[in-house]
Each structure stands twice: as C-alpha cells, then as structure tokens.
C-alpha cells in the first residue's frame, strides 16, 4: 500500500487504545497533548470498541460517576470525529496471523499493529501513540516512531 500523508504532507499519527484511555480515564497530560498534536489522527475501529468497554468497566467498578461516564463518552465521540477510522478488514486479520518482531503478542495488539501496517510502506512516516509496552516494543522494531 502506498504511504498516506496528511494534507500538509506530514506524517500520520496512529492512536492505540492505551494512549486514548490514559488521556480519558487517567488524565495523562502527555497523552492529551499527543491527541491534540497537529496532523491526522488515524486508528482502528477496534480502538473505540475497546475504549467504550473500558468506560463501562470503569463505571461498573465505580471508578467513574454517571456524570463522569457521560463526559468521558462525550470526549470519546469528539476524538472519534477527529480520527480517520480504519475498519477491521479481512486484510488486517490476515496480517494478524503473521509473526511480529516481539512475540508473544496479544490478538488485539496484533490488530492494532496490523492496521498500522496497512497505512504506510515507510514506517518512519507513521507515529504510534501508545502506552502499551508490547505495542511499543513491536512498533520500535518495525521502525515506527512511538509517543
């Protein structure tokens, strides 16, 4: 697949779920800044499914009040509007079954890395935004910048 760039010629920024949740549920300022950084945010449809599940779990465990849950879901909706969302396609799923540089890797993490791999043939042009150590290790070995 050809490299996709932002309209201004800049690199894409792949949002992985752990960074999104750090921003939304933990108030991680660096994660929030990463989401506000200029450029095109891109992510898997999986990211929003995982994030919504995390919000439900946080509410059920009383980590979030009903008001905080509504606010968090509103913020999640606003972030989704800013992202180019890549569906979990058969091509992505086929890539999941291939070896990754750092194994073992969980299936959902492999879906994220496979989605990122569909976006560019030139890894340095795609920055991966994550807090997940397995994603960080694999992204670095593949050649993606990581924030």
Foldseek 3Di string as FASTA:
>chain_A
DAADFFPVRAFEEEEAQQLLCCVLQVVPPVSVVSLVDDTAYEYEPVNLVVNLVVLVVCVVVVVDPPVSSVVSVVVSVVSVVRHHYDYQDPQLVVQLPDDFPDDDDDSVLSSGVSVVVVNHPDQCRYEYEHDDPVNVVRSVVVPHHYD
